[in-house]
Protein backbone atom coordinates (compact mmCIF):
# COMPACT_ATOMS: atom_id res chain seq x y z
CA UNK A 1 -80.77 11.04 -1.10
CA UNK A 2 -83.89 10.79 -3.20
CA UNK A 3 -85.97 10.92 -0.02
CA UNK A 4 -84.88 14.51 0.68
CA UNK A 5 -87.76 16.92 0.10
CA UNK A 6 -87.25 19.90 -2.11
CA UNK A 7 -88.57 22.04 0.74
CA UNK A 8 -84.82 22.34 1.28
CA UNK A 9 -85.10 25.19 -1.20
CA UNK A 10 -86.98 27.40 1.12
CA UNK A 11 -83.42 28.65 1.73
CA UNK A 12 -82.80 32.28 0.98
CA UNK A 13 -80.65 33.68 -1.68
CA UNK A 14 -77.75 35.90 -0.73
CA UNK A 15 -78.42 39.00 -2.82
CA UNK A 16 -74.78 39.39 -3.75
CA UNK A 17 -73.54 42.89 -4.48
CA UNK A 18 -70.27 44.82 -5.20
CA UNK A 19 -67.52 46.62 -7.43
CA UNK A 20 -64.11 48.19 -6.72
CA UNK A 21 -61.77 51.18 -6.61
CA UNK A 22 -60.19 53.10 -9.40
CA UNK A 23 -60.97 54.01 -12.90
CA UNK A 24 -60.37 51.49 -15.65
CA UNK A 25 -59.48 48.85 -13.10
CA UNK A 26 -59.73 45.15 -13.06
CA UNK A 27 -60.30 43.31 -9.98
CA UNK A 28 -57.10 42.48 -8.22
CA UNK A 29 -57.00 45.40 -5.83
CA UNK A 30 -55.74 44.29 -2.46
CA UNK A 31 -58.32 43.57 0.21
CA UNK A 32 -56.89 46.37 2.27
CA UNK A 33 -57.78 49.32 0.13
CA UNK A 34 -57.54 52.95 1.08
CA UNK A 35 -61.07 53.19 2.30
CA UNK A 36 -60.83 50.33 4.81
CA UNK A 37 -57.42 51.53 6.04
CA UNK A 38 -58.74 54.92 6.86
CA UNK A 39 -61.72 53.44 8.71
CA UNK A 40 -59.48 51.18 10.77
CA UNK A 41 -57.07 53.95 11.80
CA UNK A 42 -59.42 55.29 14.42
CA UNK A 43 -59.58 51.97 16.20
CA UNK A 44 -55.86 51.63 16.97
CA UNK A 45 -54.46 52.78 20.33
CA UNK A 46 -51.17 54.44 20.94
CA UNK A 47 -49.49 56.65 23.54
CA UNK A 48 -48.89 59.07 20.73
CA UNK A 49 -52.08 59.16 18.60
CA UNK A 50 -50.89 62.07 16.49
CA UNK A 51 -47.76 60.26 15.30
CA UNK A 52 -49.79 57.09 14.74
CA UNK A 53 -52.37 58.91 12.69
CA UNK A 54 -49.67 60.49 10.51
CA UNK A 55 -47.94 57.14 10.05
CA UNK A 56 -51.21 55.45 9.17
CA UNK A 57 -52.09 58.10 6.60
CA UNK A 58 -48.73 57.65 4.92
CA UNK A 59 -49.20 53.85 4.81
CA UNK A 60 -52.69 54.29 3.44
CA UNK A 61 -51.53 56.59 0.66
CA UNK A 62 -48.76 54.17 -0.26
CA UNK A 63 -51.24 51.34 -0.36
CA UNK A 64 -53.58 53.34 -2.59
CA UNK A 65 -50.81 53.88 -5.16
CA UNK A 66 -49.87 50.20 -5.00
CA UNK A 67 -53.47 49.11 -5.52
CA UNK A 68 -53.96 51.49 -8.44
CA UNK A 69 -50.91 50.14 -10.20
CA UNK A 70 -51.96 46.56 -9.58
CA UNK A 71 -55.52 47.24 -10.78
CA UNK A 72 -54.36 48.97 -13.97
CA UNK A 73 -52.02 46.09 -14.74
CA UNK A 74 -54.78 43.56 -14.30
CA UNK A 75 -57.36 45.38 -16.42
CA UNK A 76 -54.77 45.32 -19.17
CA UNK A 77 -54.08 41.63 -18.67
CA UNK A 78 -57.81 40.86 -18.71
CA UNK A 79 -58.10 42.75 -22.01
CA UNK A 80 -55.13 41.17 -23.68
CA UNK A 81 -55.19 37.58 -22.38
CA UNK A 82 -55.45 34.39 -24.43
CA UNK A 83 -57.94 33.25 -27.05
CA UNK A 84 -60.68 31.64 -25.03
CA UNK A 85 -64.29 32.93 -25.07
CA UNK A 86 -63.99 34.93 -21.79
CA UNK A 87 -60.90 36.75 -23.02
CA UNK A 88 -62.56 37.61 -26.26
CA UNK A 89 -65.54 39.09 -24.46
CA UNK A 90 -63.23 41.39 -22.52
CA UNK A 91 -61.39 42.52 -25.66
CA UNK A 92 -64.43 43.17 -27.83
CA UNK A 93 -66.91 44.86 -25.55
CA UNK A 94 -67.54 48.60 -25.18
CA UNK A 95 -65.14 50.59 -22.95
CA UNK A 96 -67.59 53.45 -22.44
CA UNK A 97 -67.52 53.25 -18.67
CA UNK A 98 -63.90 52.23 -18.18
CA UNK A 99 -62.76 55.21 -20.21
CA UNK A 100 -64.82 57.74 -18.19
CA UNK A 101 -62.60 60.25 -16.35
CA UNK A 102 -65.36 62.27 -14.62
CA UNK A 103 -68.76 61.76 -13.08
CA UNK A 104 -70.33 63.55 -15.99
CA UNK A 105 -68.64 61.27 -18.52
CA UNK A 106 -69.69 58.18 -16.56
CA UNK A 107 -73.33 59.17 -16.35
CA UNK A 108 -73.50 60.39 -19.91
CA UNK A 109 -72.11 57.04 -20.91
CA UNK A 110 -75.30 55.39 -19.67
CA UNK A 111 -77.29 57.41 -22.15
CA UNK A 112 -74.89 56.59 -24.98
CA UNK A 113 -75.23 52.89 -24.28
CA UNK A 114 -79.07 53.18 -24.29
CA UNK A 115 -78.91 54.94 -27.67
CA UNK A 116 -76.59 52.21 -28.98
CA UNK A 117 -79.14 49.63 -27.96
CA UNK A 118 -76.87 47.86 -25.49
CA UNK A 119 -78.76 48.96 -22.31
CA UNK A 120 -82.54 48.97 -21.80
CA UNK A 121 -83.88 52.24 -20.49
CA UNK A 122 -85.27 50.79 -17.22
CA UNK A 123 -81.88 49.36 -16.33
CA UNK A 124 -80.21 52.65 -17.24
CA UNK A 125 -82.47 54.47 -14.77
CA UNK A 126 -81.57 51.94 -12.04
CA UNK A 127 -77.89 52.37 -12.76
CA UNK A 128 -78.08 56.17 -12.44
CA UNK A 129 -80.04 55.91 -9.21
CA UNK A 130 -77.52 53.42 -7.81
CA UNK A 131 -74.67 55.79 -8.70
CA UNK A 132 -76.13 58.66 -6.68
CA UNK A 133 -77.08 56.44 -3.72
CA UNK A 134 -73.61 54.84 -3.64
CA UNK A 135 -71.98 58.26 -3.89
CA UNK A 136 -73.95 59.65 -1.00
CA UNK A 137 -73.14 56.61 1.15
CA UNK A 138 -69.39 56.73 0.49
CA UNK A 139 -69.27 60.46 1.16
CA UNK A 140 -70.92 59.83 4.54
CA UNK A 141 -67.73 57.95 5.53
CA UNK A 142 -65.67 61.11 5.46
CA UNK A 143 -63.00 59.39 3.41
CA UNK A 144 -60.82 62.08 1.79
CA UNK A 145 -60.65 60.01 -1.43
CA UNK A 146 -64.44 59.41 -1.57
CA UNK A 147 -64.92 61.05 -4.99
CA UNK A 148 -62.19 58.92 -6.51
CA UNK A 149 -63.46 55.70 -4.88
CA UNK A 150 -67.00 56.34 -6.10
CA UNK A 151 -66.01 57.06 -9.65
CA UNK A 152 -63.72 54.06 -9.99
CA UNK A 153 -66.02 51.56 -8.25
CA UNK A 154 -69.06 52.63 -10.21
CA UNK A 155 -67.14 52.69 -13.49
CA UNK A 156 -66.19 49.07 -13.01
CA UNK A 157 -69.67 48.08 -11.78
CA UNK A 158 -71.30 49.65 -14.82
CA UNK A 159 -68.73 48.01 -17.10
CA UNK A 160 -69.54 44.55 -15.69
CA UNK A 161 -73.26 45.14 -16.02
CA UNK A 162 -72.77 46.24 -19.64
CA UNK A 163 -70.56 43.27 -20.44
CA UNK A 164 -73.26 40.91 -19.19
CA UNK A 165 -75.93 42.68 -21.23
CA UNK A 166 -73.79 42.23 -24.33
CA UNK A 167 -73.18 38.55 -23.61
CA UNK A 168 -75.29 37.25 -20.71
CA UNK A 169 -73.59 34.88 -18.31
CA UNK A 170 -75.42 31.61 -17.54
CA UNK A 171 -74.96 30.16 -14.07
CA UNK A 172 -74.58 26.39 -13.62
CA UNK A 173 -76.20 24.63 -10.63
CA UNK A 174 -72.84 24.81 -8.81
CA UNK A 175 -71.01 28.03 -9.67
CA UNK A 176 -67.39 28.54 -8.74
CA UNK A 177 -66.16 32.08 -8.00
CA UNK A 178 -64.73 33.69 -11.12
CA UNK A 179 -61.22 35.04 -10.35
CA UNK A 180 -59.75 35.43 -13.83
CA UNK A 181 -59.34 36.95 -16.36
CA UNK A 182 -61.31 39.34 -14.24
CA UNK A 183 -61.44 38.84 -10.44
CA UNK A 184 -65.15 39.16 -9.61
CA UNK A 185 -64.52 38.23 -5.98
CA UNK A 186 -62.24 41.25 -5.30
CA UNK A 187 -64.54 43.39 -7.40
CA UNK A 188 -67.30 42.68 -4.82
CA UNK A 189 -65.03 43.11 -1.84
CA UNK A 190 -63.79 46.48 -2.93
CA UNK A 191 -67.22 47.79 -3.82
CA UNK A 192 -68.72 47.06 -0.40
CA UNK A 193 -65.63 47.94 1.67
CA UNK A 194 -66.15 51.76 1.58
CA UNK A 195 -69.70 51.29 2.89
CA UNK A 196 -68.58 49.64 6.14
CA UNK A 197 -67.85 51.74 9.24
CA UNK A 198 -65.17 49.47 10.64
CA UNK A 199 -64.84 51.58 13.76
CA UNK A 200 -68.44 50.64 14.66
CA UNK A 201 -68.35 47.01 13.45
CA UNK A 202 -67.78 43.84 15.45
CA UNK A 203 -67.21 40.07 15.25
CA UNK A 204 -68.59 37.76 17.88
CA UNK A 205 -66.53 34.73 18.97
CA UNK A 206 -63.83 35.05 16.32
CA UNK A 207 -61.99 32.10 17.87
CA UNK A 208 -64.73 29.82 16.60
CA UNK A 209 -63.93 30.73 13.00
CA UNK A 210 -60.39 29.54 13.71
CA UNK A 211 -61.86 26.33 15.09
CA UNK A 212 -63.79 25.91 11.84
CA UNK A 213 -60.66 26.32 9.75
CA UNK A 214 -58.99 23.56 11.71
CA UNK A 215 -61.93 21.27 11.07
CA UNK A 216 -61.89 22.12 7.35
CA UNK A 217 -58.19 21.15 7.26
CA UNK A 218 -59.20 17.78 8.69
CA UNK A 219 -61.63 17.28 5.84
CA UNK A 220 -64.78 18.07 7.83
CA UNK A 221 -67.72 20.02 6.46
CA UNK A 222 -69.09 23.14 8.08
CA UNK A 223 -72.67 24.38 7.67
CA UNK A 224 -73.58 27.94 8.77
CA UNK A 225 -77.26 28.38 9.55
CA UNK A 226 -77.80 32.14 9.30
CA UNK A 227 -80.24 34.94 9.05
CA UNK A 228 -80.04 36.95 5.76
CA UNK A 229 -80.25 40.75 5.60
CA UNK A 230 -78.99 42.23 2.34
CA UNK A 231 -77.62 41.65 -1.10
CA UNK A 232 -74.26 42.51 0.41
CA UNK A 233 -74.16 39.67 3.01
CA UNK A 234 -71.41 37.63 1.30
CA UNK A 235 -69.13 40.65 0.99
CA UNK A 236 -69.82 41.75 4.56
CA UNK A 237 -68.96 38.28 5.89
CA UNK A 238 -65.77 38.09 3.80
CA UNK A 239 -64.64 41.65 4.70
CA UNK A 240 -65.09 41.06 8.46
CA UNK A 241 -63.13 37.77 8.23
CA UNK A 242 -60.39 38.74 5.78
CA UNK A 243 -57.82 39.70 8.44
CA UNK A 244 -58.28 36.53 10.54
CA UNK A 245 -59.90 33.82 8.46
CA UNK A 246 -59.30 34.55 4.80
CA UNK A 247 -59.72 30.86 3.86
CA UNK A 248 -63.34 30.85 5.07
CA UNK A 249 -63.93 34.28 3.53
CA UNK A 250 -62.94 33.04 0.04
CA UNK A 251 -64.11 29.42 0.30
CA UNK A 252 -67.68 29.94 1.50
CA UNK A 253 -70.38 28.50 -0.73
CA UNK A 254 -73.71 30.34 -0.60
CA UNK A 255 -77.15 28.95 -1.41
CA UNK A 256 -78.35 31.52 -3.96
CA UNK A 257 -81.85 32.07 -5.34
CA UNK A 258 -82.56 32.73 -8.96
CA UNK A 259 -83.19 36.44 -8.49
CA UNK A 260 -79.54 37.24 -7.81
CA UNK A 261 -78.65 35.17 -10.91
CA UNK A 262 -80.98 37.17 -13.21
CA UNK A 263 -81.09 40.75 -11.83
CA UNK A 264 -78.67 42.69 -14.06
CA UNK A 265 -77.34 44.80 -11.17
CA UNK A 266 -76.74 41.66 -9.00
CA UNK A 267 -75.25 39.23 -11.52
CA UNK A 268 -71.69 40.57 -11.68
CA UNK A 269 -71.46 40.42 -7.90
CA UNK A 270 -72.89 36.93 -7.78
CA UNK A 271 -70.27 35.79 -10.28
CA UNK A 272 -67.60 36.41 -7.64
CA UNK A 273 -69.06 33.96 -5.10
CA UNK A 274 -69.23 30.18 -4.84
CA UNK A 275 -72.93 29.39 -5.26
CA UNK A 276 -75.39 26.56 -5.26
CA UNK A 277 -78.10 28.02 -7.48
CA UNK A 278 -81.75 27.28 -6.62
CA UNK A 279 -85.27 28.59 -7.19
CA UNK A 280 -86.61 29.88 -3.88
CA UNK A 281 -89.93 28.45 -2.73
CA UNK A 282 -91.15 31.98 -2.21
CA UNK A 283 -91.02 32.62 -5.95
CA UNK A 284 -91.65 29.05 -7.13
CA UNK A 285 -95.24 29.82 -8.20
CA UNK A 286 -94.67 33.30 -9.68
CA UNK A 287 -94.85 31.96 -13.29
CA UNK A 288 -97.03 28.80 -13.40
CA UNK A 289 -95.63 27.51 -16.68
CA UNK A 290 -92.10 27.53 -15.22
CA UNK A 291 -92.84 25.55 -12.10
CA UNK A 292 -91.82 22.16 -13.56
CA UNK A 293 -88.59 23.56 -14.95
CA UNK A 294 -87.76 25.17 -11.59
CA UNK A 295 -88.32 21.90 -9.72
CA UNK A 296 -86.06 19.98 -12.08
CA UNK A 297 -83.36 22.65 -11.72
CA UNK A 298 -83.61 22.39 -7.92
CA UNK A 299 -83.20 18.62 -8.14
CA UNK A 300 -79.94 19.11 -10.08
CA UNK A 301 -78.74 21.63 -7.52
CA UNK A 302 -79.59 19.25 -4.67
CA UNK A 303 -77.38 16.63 -6.33
CA UNK A 304 -74.54 19.16 -6.71
CA UNK A 305 -74.80 19.96 -3.00
CA UNK A 306 -74.64 16.29 -2.10
CA UNK A 307 -71.56 15.75 -4.26
CA UNK A 308 -69.93 18.85 -2.82
CA UNK A 309 -70.36 17.72 0.79
CA UNK A 310 -69.24 14.17 -0.07
CA UNK A 311 -65.85 15.57 -1.04
CA UNK A 312 -65.37 17.17 2.38
CA UNK A 313 -63.64 20.37 3.49
CA UNK A 314 -66.68 22.51 2.50
CA UNK A 315 -68.12 25.52 4.30
CA UNK A 316 -71.71 26.27 3.26
CA UNK A 317 -73.94 29.24 4.20
CA UNK A 318 -77.69 28.93 4.15
CA UNK A 319 -80.51 31.15 5.33
CA UNK A 320 -83.50 28.85 6.09
CA UNK A 321 -85.89 31.76 6.52
CA UNK A 322 -86.56 31.81 2.78
CA UNK A 323 -85.60 35.44 2.28
CA UNK A 324 -84.10 38.56 3.72
CA UNK A 325 -85.11 39.87 7.14
CA UNK A 326 -87.67 42.61 7.15
CA UNK A 327 -88.60 45.18 9.88
CA UNK A 328 -91.74 44.67 11.94
CA UNK A 329 -94.46 46.64 10.18
CA UNK A 330 -95.64 48.15 13.47
CA UNK A 331 -92.51 48.69 15.54
CA UNK A 332 -90.15 48.98 12.53
CA UNK A 333 -87.63 46.93 14.52
CA UNK A 334 -85.43 44.52 12.58
CA UNK A 335 -84.98 40.95 13.76
CA UNK A 336 -84.02 37.58 12.22
CA UNK A 337 -86.89 36.10 10.22
CA UNK A 338 -88.06 32.66 11.58
CA UNK A 339 -86.35 29.58 10.19
CA UNK A 340 -88.18 27.00 8.13
CA UNK A 341 -87.70 23.67 9.94
CA UNK A 342 -87.83 21.56 6.74
CA UNK A 343 -84.96 23.55 5.27
CA UNK A 344 -82.90 23.13 8.39
CA UNK A 345 -83.66 19.43 8.64
CA UNK A 346 -82.86 18.71 5.02
CA UNK A 347 -79.53 20.55 5.25
CA UNK A 348 -78.71 18.61 8.37
CA UNK A 349 -79.48 15.30 6.65
CA UNK A 350 -77.41 16.24 3.64
CA UNK A 351 -74.47 16.92 5.93
CA UNK A 352 -75.00 13.69 7.94
CA UNK A 353 -75.37 11.51 4.85
CA UNK A 354 -72.28 12.84 3.12
CA UNK A 355 -70.00 10.30 4.66
CA UNK A 356 -67.81 13.10 5.99
CA UNK A 357 -67.95 14.57 9.56
CA UNK A 358 -70.12 17.72 9.59
CA UNK A 359 -70.75 20.53 12.05
CA UNK A 360 -73.66 22.99 12.07
CA UNK A 361 -73.04 26.45 13.56
CA UNK A 362 -75.58 29.24 14.12
CA UNK A 363 -74.44 32.48 12.51
CA UNK A 364 -75.87 35.99 13.06
CA UNK A 365 -75.54 38.88 10.64
CA UNK A 366 -76.45 42.53 11.27
CA UNK A 367 -75.90 44.66 8.18
CA UNK A 368 -79.32 45.71 6.82
CA UNK A 369 -78.34 49.37 6.92
CA UNK A 370 -75.84 48.99 4.11
CA UNK A 371 -78.44 47.89 1.52
CA UNK A 372 -81.88 47.36 3.10
CA UNK A 373 -84.34 45.28 1.07
CA UNK A 374 -87.77 46.60 0.03
CA UNK A 375 -90.30 46.54 2.92
CA UNK A 376 -92.13 43.62 1.30
CA UNK A 377 -91.16 40.73 -0.94
CA UNK A 378 -91.43 41.76 -4.61
CA UNK A 379 -92.19 39.57 -7.60
CA UNK A 380 -90.64 41.83 -10.15
CA UNK A 381 -86.89 41.80 -10.87
CA UNK A 382 -85.09 45.14 -10.47
CA UNK A 383 -85.71 46.53 -6.98
CA UNK A 384 -84.53 49.98 -5.99
CA UNK A 385 -81.06 50.02 -4.33
CA UNK A 386 -80.83 52.11 -1.20
CA UNK A 387 -77.24 52.30 0.06
CA UNK A 388 -75.79 53.77 3.28
CA UNK A 389 -72.51 53.84 5.28
CA UNK A 390 -72.81 52.10 8.61
CA UNK A 391 -71.38 49.63 11.11
CA UNK A 392 -72.05 45.90 10.65
CA UNK A 393 -71.73 42.75 12.76
CA UNK A 394 -71.09 39.05 12.41
CA UNK A 395 -71.18 36.45 15.16
CA UNK A 396 -71.05 32.69 15.41
CA UNK A 397 -71.88 30.39 18.33
CA UNK A 398 -70.56 26.87 19.04
CA UNK A 399 -71.84 24.06 16.83
CA UNK A 400 -75.13 22.63 17.93
CA UNK A 401 -75.45 18.82 17.87
CA UNK A 402 -78.82 17.45 16.78
CA UNK A 403 -78.79 14.55 19.26
CA UNK A 404 -78.08 16.87 22.21
CA UNK A 405 -81.13 18.95 21.46
CA UNK A 406 -83.57 16.21 20.50
CA UNK A 407 -82.81 13.53 23.09
CA UNK A 408 -86.15 14.03 24.80
CA UNK A 409 -88.20 14.48 21.60
CA UNK A 410 -91.00 11.99 21.14
CA UNK A 411 -91.14 11.92 17.33
CA UNK A 412 -89.17 13.12 14.25
CA UNK A 413 -91.38 16.14 13.71
CA UNK A 414 -90.92 17.35 17.25
CA UNK A 415 -87.17 16.79 16.97
CA UNK A 416 -87.01 18.78 13.76
CA UNK A 417 -88.84 21.69 15.30
CA UNK A 418 -86.75 21.61 18.50
CA UNK A 419 -83.46 21.67 16.58
CA UNK A 420 -84.54 24.51 14.33
CA UNK A 421 -85.69 26.54 17.31
CA UNK A 422 -82.37 25.97 19.12
CA UNK A 423 -80.46 27.33 16.08
CA UNK A 424 -82.86 30.24 15.69
CA UNK A 425 -82.63 31.15 19.38
CA UNK A 426 -78.86 31.24 19.19
CA UNK A 427 -78.88 33.47 16.09
CA UNK A 428 -81.35 35.83 17.80
CA UNK A 429 -79.29 36.01 20.97
CA UNK A 430 -76.15 36.86 19.01
CA UNK A 431 -78.06 39.37 16.83
CA UNK A 432 -79.25 41.23 19.93
CA UNK A 433 -75.73 41.57 21.27
CA UNK A 434 -74.54 42.92 17.88
CA UNK A 435 -77.49 45.30 17.84
CA UNK A 436 -76.59 46.69 21.26
CA UNK A 437 -72.97 47.09 20.27
CA UNK A 438 -73.62 48.76 16.88
CA UNK A 439 -76.96 50.52 16.94
CA UNK A 440 -76.95 51.38 20.69
CA UNK A 441 -73.30 52.43 20.46
CA UNK A 442 -72.28 50.32 23.46
CA UNK A 443 -69.42 48.65 21.65
CA UNK A 444 -67.27 45.93 23.21
CA UNK A 445 -68.82 46.49 26.65
CA UNK A 446 -71.94 44.45 25.72
CA UNK A 447 -69.97 41.22 25.27
CA UNK A 448 -71.47 38.34 27.20
CA UNK A 449 -70.05 35.03 28.36
CA UNK A 450 -71.55 33.48 25.18
CA UNK A 451 -70.86 36.29 22.73
CA UNK A 452 -67.38 37.78 22.98
CA UNK A 453 -67.08 40.80 20.64
CA UNK A 454 -63.80 41.99 19.07
CA UNK A 455 -62.43 44.13 16.26
CA UNK A 456 -59.53 42.05 14.84
CA UNK A 457 -58.86 44.63 12.11
CA UNK A 458 -58.24 47.36 14.72
C-alpha cells in the first residue's frame, strides 16, 4: 500500500448540501415529504386522472401531518436525550432560529446572533442570501406549501450552522453519517428534495443498481467513478435512489475535500454523509505552510480507505476530475470534466489490493442547475449559493474490467490512460443521454440500447 501515490487525492470533494421541512424540526422526516409527493403526482397514469389527482393530494396532506408530528417529536428527543457531549450541545445552544414562526423572525434572528457575537457578519450575509435564493427556487416548483417548506427547512439549516459556530465539529479521516440525536442525513435529503423537479428527472439503467446491491450482499466492494457537479450531488443521488435502492443511497461513502468540511454553510450537510476526508490537490498549495500537514492528513485518509475496502461490502463514490464540472467559457455548455488517470488508477489498485472482490462502474450525474458552482475555482471559503428548481439525472453503466480494456496496451502508463478514457467515455455518453432527456425535454424517448431511462418514483 505504501507504493500508492497521493495523486489519488486529485479526487473531487462532494460539496454536500441540505436541510429539511417544518419549523422547529429535527431530522427524522420521512424521505417522502409533501414536496416530493406533489412532484411525483404528475408522473402517474390513470384512466381517471381527476380522481387520481384528488386521491394523491389527500395522501400527500396526510403524509405532511405525519412528517410534522414525527419531526416535532424528534427535535424534542434531540433536545432532551442523555448526558453525552452531543446531547448537551443540543440542550444548551440558542433556539433563535428554531423558535422563529415567520420569515421576518427568522431573518431578524440572523442579526440578533451577530449582535450576540455567535455569528460573523460575513456568514450572516451569506445566510440571508441563501434564504432568498432557496425561497425563490422552492416557489418555482409551484408547491402549494412552498412558504411553509422554505421557512421550516431554512430554520433548521440556520440552526445547524449556528450550533456548529458555537461548538465547531471536527471531522475524522473517516466520517460516519450522523443519524442521532439529530439525523443529519434526513436533514440533507429533505432540504434538497423540494429543489428537484421529479417529473423531469430520470435514472439510467436502474437495474444495475440492483445488481450492485446483490454484490454488496455477497461482500464485494463497489466503486463509482463519477463526474461531480454540485454541492448537492450526494443528496441528488440518494433522492433518486431512495425508492428502489435505499441501501446504496444511505451506505454510499464519498471522497470529500477539505472545503466541504470547513465551509460553515456546507458542514452540517457533510455531517450527514459517510466521508473519506482529504485535501484536494487543487488546493494543496493554497497555504504553503500547511502543505506538510495536508499530506500527512491525506496519508491517514488513504489508510482509512484501505481498511474500509478490506472489510468488504463498501460502495464508494469518487470524482477523479479533481473538482466540480464547469461550463465551457466560450459555448457555455456543461460537460463532465476530464478524469485524472492517476486518481483512477490508484482507486483501482486500492480496490484490487483489498483482498475482496471489487467492481468499478462509471456513473453520470446531471444536476448542475440545482446549485451551480462559481464559473472558476475559488481559493476563498464561502462561495455564493445560487439555487434553482430543476430536473436532474443519474445513470450508471455496466462495470468496466481493467484487463478487458488494457489487453493490448504496451506499458502500464498506456494501460492507465486507456482505462481512464474508457470510464470517462462511458460517463460522457450517459451524460449526453440525460441531457437530451432533461434539458431538451425529450424524456424517456431518448433511451438507447446502452442507457435505458426510467422514473421509478412515478
